[in-house]
Amino acid sequence: MPRPDPFLLALIATLIVATLLPCRGVGVAIFHVLTIVVIAIMFFLQGARLSRRAMLSGLGAWRLHLAIFVCTFVLFPLLGLGLHAALPRTLTPTLWLGILFVCALPSTVQSSIAFTSIGHGNVPAAVCSATASNLFGMAVTPLLVGVLLSRAGHGVSFKAVLDIVLQLLLPFLLGQVMQRWIGDWARRNRTLLGFTDRGSILIVVYTAFSEAVVQGIWHKVPPAMLGVVLLIDAGLLVAVLLVTRYGARLLGFGREDEIAMVFCGSKKTLASGVPMAGVLFPPATVGMVVLPLIVFHQLQLFACAVLARRYAAGAAAAESNTVQAGR
């Protein structure tokens, strides 16, 4: 069984701190400014260390990229809308916003690539697809959220979309421009910058949940409702994992491409999702909106860790059979 993710433990600790010691008064303004600054730095550094060469090396697998894009930005939203239409009263409206928000997010980058590598999949294609998903997601996700929420009786303002561009996309593009000078340094210090990324997310989560605690989130979300969120997230994940696995086979993809499709097409990013939520939704609702995302994040890590090990075991067995047959 996979070990608990250290970042998940840090997230849980952050939620506990925000519950016991929520940010109040002048601290709210300070943490609001701090959140904007650390997120801008995080996306700047992501732009600085994402290699354009590695991205371009996987461009040839255009059918695979298209399939992953459809799973990320079409299949997930349709499943989310279907669940909302079938079970509208199982969750509060704000938690349903969170579920639909999860469905609109792009894929992860680091963990999608890592699991593809562990499973002996098409790593160059995973690098290209996951990175492109995040780049497109900065533009597609706000628009998709607007469409999904309008179907659910809500909406997203043009200002929120503009804020996404200014606070997330612009720093990322600046990082890409500066990559010529600081790219090698950023890649050599990937582990250190990974701690910076996680620290930035924890600050955003603390700020969001402080506001949510002040607004009474734990009175609005009893344990039974949290269990329903878990079940809905799990249902979404299982459905997409099945579609990506067997859809890849129906499309005639080889084993390596199937692995890339499973791990890139079923993941949703916490690193970009939390900052986007902070921009797209009012402060009073952000904490509850990101709750389904935090739950989904751990579910996907657990499920994909198990799948990656099974794919790796299958690759090892196939290689062993090949060697024995050649003797």
Protein backbone atom coordinates (compact mmCIF):
# COMPACT_ATOMS: atom_id res chain seq x y z
CA MET A 1 0.00 0.00 0.00
CA PRO A 2 1.39 3.48 -0.93
CA ARG A 3 2.71 5.57 1.91
CA PRO A 4 0.77 8.74 2.84
CA ASP A 5 1.79 11.63 0.64
CA PRO A 6 3.85 14.12 2.75
CA PHE A 7 2.18 17.01 0.96
CA LEU A 8 -1.25 15.66 1.90
CA LEU A 9 -0.16 15.51 5.54
CA ALA A 10 1.00 19.14 5.24
CA LEU A 11 -2.38 20.07 3.73
CA ILE A 12 -4.23 18.39 6.60
CA ALA A 13 -2.00 20.21 9.11
CA THR A 14 -2.75 23.49 7.33
CA LEU A 15 -6.50 22.85 7.56
CA ILE A 16 -6.15 22.13 11.29
CA VAL A 17 -4.16 25.35 11.86
CA ALA A 18 -6.69 27.35 9.84
CA THR A 19 -9.51 25.79 11.89
CA LEU A 20 -7.89 26.52 15.26
CA LEU A 21 -6.13 29.80 14.37
CA PRO A 22 -7.92 31.40 11.43
CA CYS A 23 -6.59 34.60 9.95
CA ARG A 24 -8.56 37.63 11.17
CA GLY A 25 -8.50 41.41 11.10
CA VAL A 26 -5.43 43.04 9.56
CA GLY A 27 -3.97 39.58 8.98
CA VAL A 28 -6.57 38.98 6.25
CA ALA A 29 -5.21 41.87 4.17
CA ILE A 30 -1.61 40.77 4.77
CA PHE A 31 -2.27 37.18 3.72
CA HIS A 32 -4.27 38.34 0.69
CA VAL A 33 -1.27 40.29 -0.62
CA LEU A 34 1.12 37.47 0.36
CA THR A 35 -1.02 34.99 -1.57
CA ILE A 36 -0.84 37.07 -4.77
CA VAL A 37 2.95 37.42 -4.43
CA VAL A 38 3.78 33.77 -3.70
CA ILE A 39 1.51 32.49 -6.48
CA ALA A 40 3.09 34.87 -9.00
CA ILE A 41 6.55 33.64 -7.92
CA MET A 42 5.43 30.01 -8.17
CA PHE A 43 4.17 30.38 -11.74
CA PHE A 44 7.23 32.42 -12.72
CA LEU A 45 9.51 29.61 -11.51
CA GLN A 46 7.36 26.99 -13.25
CA GLY A 47 7.81 28.87 -16.50
CA ALA A 48 11.54 29.14 -15.89
CA ARG A 49 12.11 25.42 -15.36
CA LEU A 50 9.70 23.82 -17.86
CA SER A 51 11.93 22.83 -20.76
CA ARG A 52 10.56 23.78 -24.18
CA ARG A 53 12.79 21.13 -25.76
CA ALA A 54 11.29 18.36 -23.63
CA MET A 55 7.82 19.60 -24.48
CA LEU A 56 8.49 19.70 -28.22
CA SER A 57 10.04 16.22 -28.27
CA GLY A 58 6.62 14.64 -27.68
CA LEU A 59 4.64 16.70 -30.19
CA GLY A 60 4.48 13.92 -32.78
CA ALA A 61 1.87 11.94 -30.84
CA TRP A 62 -0.91 14.34 -31.78
CA ARG A 63 -3.68 11.70 -31.59
CA LEU A 64 -2.66 10.88 -28.03
CA HIS A 65 -2.58 14.57 -27.06
CA LEU A 66 -6.02 15.14 -28.57
CA ALA A 67 -7.44 12.15 -26.66
CA ILE A 68 -5.97 13.42 -23.38
CA PHE A 69 -7.29 16.92 -24.07
CA VAL A 70 -10.80 15.53 -24.66
CA CYS A 71 -10.67 13.53 -21.44
CA THR A 72 -9.47 16.54 -19.43
CA PHE A 73 -11.68 19.27 -20.82
CA VAL A 74 -14.71 17.44 -22.27
CA LEU A 75 -15.21 14.08 -20.53
CA PHE A 76 -14.68 15.38 -17.00
CA PRO A 77 -17.08 18.36 -17.40
CA LEU A 78 -19.77 16.15 -18.95
CA LEU A 79 -19.48 13.68 -16.08
CA GLY A 80 -19.64 16.54 -13.56
CA LEU A 81 -22.76 18.01 -15.16
CA GLY A 82 -24.34 14.56 -15.32
CA LEU A 83 -23.73 13.93 -11.63
CA HIS A 84 -25.05 17.38 -10.72
CA ALA A 85 -28.21 16.79 -12.78
CA ALA A 86 -28.74 13.34 -11.25
CA LEU A 87 -27.90 14.21 -7.62
CA PRO A 88 -28.48 17.95 -7.17
CA ARG A 89 -29.48 17.82 -3.51
CA THR A 90 -26.80 15.48 -2.21
CA LEU A 91 -24.40 18.42 -1.67
CA THR A 92 -24.71 22.12 -0.94
CA PRO A 93 -24.57 24.45 -3.98
CA THR A 94 -21.06 25.61 -3.02
CA LEU A 95 -19.72 22.06 -2.78
CA TRP A 96 -21.22 21.34 -6.19
CA LEU A 97 -19.32 24.38 -7.43
CA GLY A 98 -16.21 22.67 -6.10
CA ILE A 99 -17.00 19.41 -7.92
CA LEU A 100 -17.63 21.25 -11.20
CA PHE A 101 -14.46 23.27 -10.66
CA VAL A 102 -12.46 20.03 -10.31
CA CYS A 103 -13.92 18.87 -13.63
CA ALA A 104 -12.82 22.07 -15.39
CA LEU A 105 -9.19 22.03 -14.24
CA PRO A 106 -6.18 21.02 -16.38
CA SER A 107 -4.02 17.98 -15.70
CA THR A 108 -1.09 17.93 -13.31
CA VAL A 109 2.46 18.20 -14.65
CA GLN A 110 4.95 16.64 -12.22
CA SER A 111 2.90 13.70 -10.98
CA SER A 112 1.49 12.84 -14.44
CA ILE A 113 5.04 12.62 -15.80
CA ALA A 114 6.31 10.78 -12.71
CA PHE A 115 3.61 8.09 -12.83
CA THR A 116 4.04 7.68 -16.59
CA SER A 117 7.75 7.13 -16.02
CA ILE A 118 7.17 4.64 -13.18
CA GLY A 119 4.76 2.66 -15.36
CA HIS A 120 7.25 2.65 -18.31
CA GLY A 121 4.98 4.77 -20.48
CA ASN A 122 5.60 7.40 -23.17
CA VAL A 123 7.37 10.03 -21.05
CA PRO A 124 8.09 12.61 -23.82
CA ALA A 125 4.42 12.58 -24.80
CA ALA A 126 3.41 12.91 -21.13
CA VAL A 127 5.71 15.92 -20.71
CA CYS A 128 4.25 17.58 -23.78
CA SER A 129 0.62 16.76 -23.00
CA ALA A 130 0.67 17.64 -19.30
CA THR A 131 2.49 20.91 -19.91
CA ALA A 132 0.19 21.88 -22.76
CA SER A 133 -2.81 21.03 -20.59
CA ASN A 134 -1.65 23.50 -17.96
CA LEU A 135 -0.92 26.21 -20.51
CA PHE A 136 -4.28 25.79 -22.23
CA GLY A 137 -5.92 25.45 -18.84
CA MET A 138 -5.06 29.00 -17.85
CA ALA A 139 -7.31 30.16 -20.69
CA VAL A 140 -9.73 27.23 -21.04
CA THR A 141 -10.50 26.59 -17.37
CA PRO A 142 -11.96 30.05 -16.55
CA LEU A 143 -14.12 29.90 -19.68
CA LEU A 144 -15.15 26.31 -18.97
CA VAL A 145 -15.93 27.17 -15.34
CA GLY A 146 -18.15 29.99 -16.63
CA VAL A 147 -20.05 27.57 -18.88
CA LEU A 148 -20.39 24.89 -16.20
CA LEU A 149 -21.49 27.30 -13.52
CA SER A 150 -23.97 28.99 -15.81
CA ARG A 151 -25.55 25.56 -16.37
CA ALA A 152 -25.68 25.18 -12.59
CA GLY A 153 -27.18 28.64 -12.07
CA HIS A 154 -23.96 30.56 -11.33
CA GLY A 155 -21.40 32.54 -13.28
CA VAL A 156 -17.85 33.87 -13.52
CA SER A 157 -17.04 37.51 -14.23
CA PHE A 158 -14.77 38.77 -17.01
CA LYS A 159 -12.62 40.39 -14.32
CA ALA A 160 -11.93 36.97 -12.82
CA VAL A 161 -10.73 35.68 -16.21
CA LEU A 162 -8.51 38.75 -16.60
CA ASP A 163 -7.09 38.22 -13.12
CA ILE A 164 -6.14 34.65 -14.10
CA VAL A 165 -4.16 36.04 -17.03
CA LEU A 166 -2.42 38.72 -14.95
CA GLN A 167 -1.70 36.67 -11.83
CA LEU A 168 -0.93 33.25 -13.34
CA LEU A 169 -0.31 33.31 -17.09
CA LEU A 170 1.77 36.50 -17.22
CA PRO A 171 4.28 35.35 -14.55
CA PHE A 172 4.54 31.97 -16.31
CA LEU A 173 5.30 33.64 -19.65
CA LEU A 174 7.88 35.89 -17.98
CA GLY A 175 9.51 32.77 -16.56
CA GLN A 176 9.66 31.28 -20.06
CA VAL A 177 11.30 34.48 -21.35
CA MET A 178 13.85 34.40 -18.51
CA GLN A 179 14.53 30.68 -19.01
CA ARG A 180 17.54 31.52 -21.16
CA TRP A 181 19.28 33.00 -18.12
CA ILE A 182 17.84 31.11 -15.14
CA GLY A 183 16.44 27.91 -16.68
CA ASP A 184 19.48 25.74 -15.93
CA TRP A 185 19.60 27.01 -12.33
CA ALA A 186 15.87 26.32 -11.90
CA ARG A 187 16.18 22.77 -13.22
CA ARG A 188 19.24 22.02 -11.06
CA ASN A 189 17.29 23.17 -8.00
CA ARG A 190 14.02 21.42 -8.89
CA THR A 191 13.73 19.83 -5.44
CA LEU A 192 14.23 23.14 -3.64
CA LEU A 193 11.76 24.90 -5.90
CA GLY A 194 9.32 22.03 -5.33
CA PHE A 195 9.28 22.97 -1.65
CA THR A 196 8.66 26.58 -2.71
CA ASP A 197 5.69 25.49 -4.84
CA ARG A 198 4.18 23.45 -2.02
CA GLY A 199 4.76 26.23 0.48
CA SER A 200 2.94 28.66 -1.81
CA ILE A 201 -0.04 26.32 -2.09
CA LEU A 202 -0.17 25.86 1.68
CA ILE A 203 -0.27 29.65 2.16
CA VAL A 204 -3.16 29.91 -0.30
CA VAL A 205 -5.01 27.04 1.38
CA TYR A 206 -4.51 28.57 4.82
CA THR A 207 -5.83 31.93 3.61
CA ALA A 208 -8.86 30.36 1.91
CA PHE A 209 -9.75 28.08 4.81
CA SER A 210 -9.28 30.84 7.38
CA GLU A 211 -12.03 32.76 5.62
CA ALA A 212 -14.10 29.58 5.33
CA VAL A 213 -13.73 28.82 9.04
CA VAL A 214 -14.81 32.35 9.92
CA GLN A 215 -17.83 31.77 7.67
CA GLY A 216 -18.58 28.47 9.50
CA ILE A 217 -17.46 25.83 6.98
CA TRP A 218 -17.32 22.98 9.50
CA HIS A 219 -20.91 23.70 10.56
CA LYS A 220 -22.00 23.63 6.92
CA VAL A 221 -20.06 20.45 6.00
CA PRO A 222 -20.83 17.64 8.50
CA PRO A 223 -18.87 14.34 8.27
CA ALA A 224 -21.66 12.65 6.31
CA MET A 225 -21.53 15.32 3.60
CA LEU A 226 -17.74 15.09 3.48
CA GLY A 227 -18.24 11.36 2.86
CA VAL A 228 -20.54 12.16 -0.07
CA VAL A 229 -17.83 14.43 -1.54
CA LEU A 230 -15.40 11.53 -1.23
CA LEU A 231 -17.79 9.15 -3.02
CA ILE A 232 -18.51 11.59 -5.86
CA ASP A 233 -14.81 12.34 -6.35
CA ALA A 234 -14.04 8.61 -6.32
CA GLY A 235 -16.79 7.96 -8.86
CA LEU A 236 -15.41 10.62 -11.18
CA LEU A 237 -11.89 9.24 -10.90
CA VAL A 238 -12.88 5.60 -11.46
CA ALA A 239 -15.03 6.51 -14.49
CA VAL A 240 -12.22 8.48 -16.15
CA LEU A 241 -9.58 5.84 -15.36
CA LEU A 242 -11.75 3.22 -17.05
CA VAL A 243 -12.43 5.43 -20.08
CA THR A 244 -8.76 6.36 -20.52
CA ARG A 245 -7.54 2.77 -20.17
CA TYR A 246 -10.02 1.06 -22.45
CA GLY A 247 -10.45 4.08 -24.71
CA ALA A 248 -6.72 4.00 -25.44
CA ARG A 249 -7.03 0.37 -26.50
CA LEU A 250 -10.06 1.08 -28.70
CA LEU A 251 -8.10 3.88 -30.38
CA GLY A 252 -5.30 1.44 -31.14
CA PHE A 253 -2.67 3.04 -28.91
CA GLY A 254 0.29 0.95 -27.82
CA ARG A 255 1.04 0.13 -24.21
CA GLU A 256 3.30 3.15 -23.63
CA ASP A 257 0.73 5.57 -25.06
CA GLU A 258 -2.03 3.93 -23.02
CA ILE A 259 -0.05 4.58 -19.83
CA ALA A 260 0.48 8.23 -20.76
CA MET A 261 -3.23 8.62 -21.52
CA VAL A 262 -4.29 7.04 -18.23
CA PHE A 263 -2.02 9.20 -16.07
CA CYS A 264 -2.37 12.49 -17.97
CA GLY A 265 -6.06 12.20 -18.82
CA SER A 266 -7.31 11.31 -15.33
CA LYS A 267 -5.39 13.84 -13.20
CA LYS A 268 -6.43 17.29 -11.98
CA THR A 269 -3.96 19.90 -10.76
CA LEU A 270 -3.98 21.13 -7.19
CA ALA A 271 -1.00 23.44 -7.84
CA SER A 272 -2.90 25.52 -10.41
CA GLY A 273 -6.39 24.78 -9.09
CA VAL A 274 -6.06 26.43 -5.68
CA PRO A 275 -4.73 29.75 -7.08
CA MET A 276 -7.39 29.74 -9.79
CA ALA A 277 -10.12 29.20 -7.20
CA GLY A 278 -8.78 32.14 -5.21
CA VAL A 279 -9.20 34.35 -8.27
CA LEU A 280 -12.45 32.97 -9.69
CA PHE A 281 -14.55 32.72 -6.53
CA PRO A 282 -15.42 35.13 -3.67
CA PRO A 283 -13.19 34.77 -0.58
CA ALA A 284 -16.13 33.55 1.50
CA THR A 285 -16.62 30.49 -0.75
CA VAL A 286 -13.05 29.57 -1.78
CA GLY A 287 -12.40 27.26 1.17
CA MET A 288 -15.47 25.15 0.47
CA VAL A 289 -14.88 25.20 -3.30
CA VAL A 290 -11.36 23.76 -2.99
CA LEU A 291 -12.40 21.06 -0.51
CA PRO A 292 -13.48 18.59 -3.26
CA LEU A 293 -10.19 19.33 -5.06
CA ILE A 294 -8.11 18.48 -1.99
CA VAL A 295 -10.03 15.21 -1.62
CA PHE A 296 -9.67 14.40 -5.32
CA HIS A 297 -5.94 15.17 -5.16
CA GLN A 298 -5.27 12.43 -2.62
CA LEU A 299 -7.56 9.93 -4.33
CA GLN A 300 -5.75 10.36 -7.65
CA LEU A 301 -2.32 10.01 -6.02
CA PHE A 302 -3.34 6.78 -4.29
CA ALA A 303 -5.05 5.23 -7.33
CA CYS A 304 -2.32 6.22 -9.79
CA ALA A 305 0.44 4.96 -7.47
CA VAL A 306 -1.23 1.51 -7.46
CA LEU A 307 -1.78 1.56 -11.24
CA ALA A 308 1.79 2.72 -11.96
CA ARG A 309 3.22 -0.18 -9.97
CA ARG A 310 0.98 -2.65 -11.80
CA TYR A 311 2.00 -1.25 -15.18
CA ALA A 312 5.66 -1.45 -14.11
CA ALA A 313 5.23 -5.06 -13.00
CA GLY A 314 3.58 -5.86 -16.33
CA ALA A 315 6.47 -4.27 -18.23
CA ALA A 316 9.01 -6.22 -16.19
CA ALA A 317 7.15 -9.48 -16.84
CA ALA A 318 6.91 -8.77 -20.57
CA GLU A 319 10.62 -7.98 -20.73
CA SER A 320 11.45 -11.19 -18.85
CA ASN A 321 9.31 -13.25 -21.25
CA THR A 322 11.03 -11.62 -24.21
CA VAL A 323 14.48 -12.47 -22.82
CA GLN A 324 13.47 -16.08 -22.15
CA ALA A 325 11.96 -16.44 -25.62
CA GLY A 326 15.19 -15.17 -27.16
CA ARG A 327 17.30 -17.86 -25.49
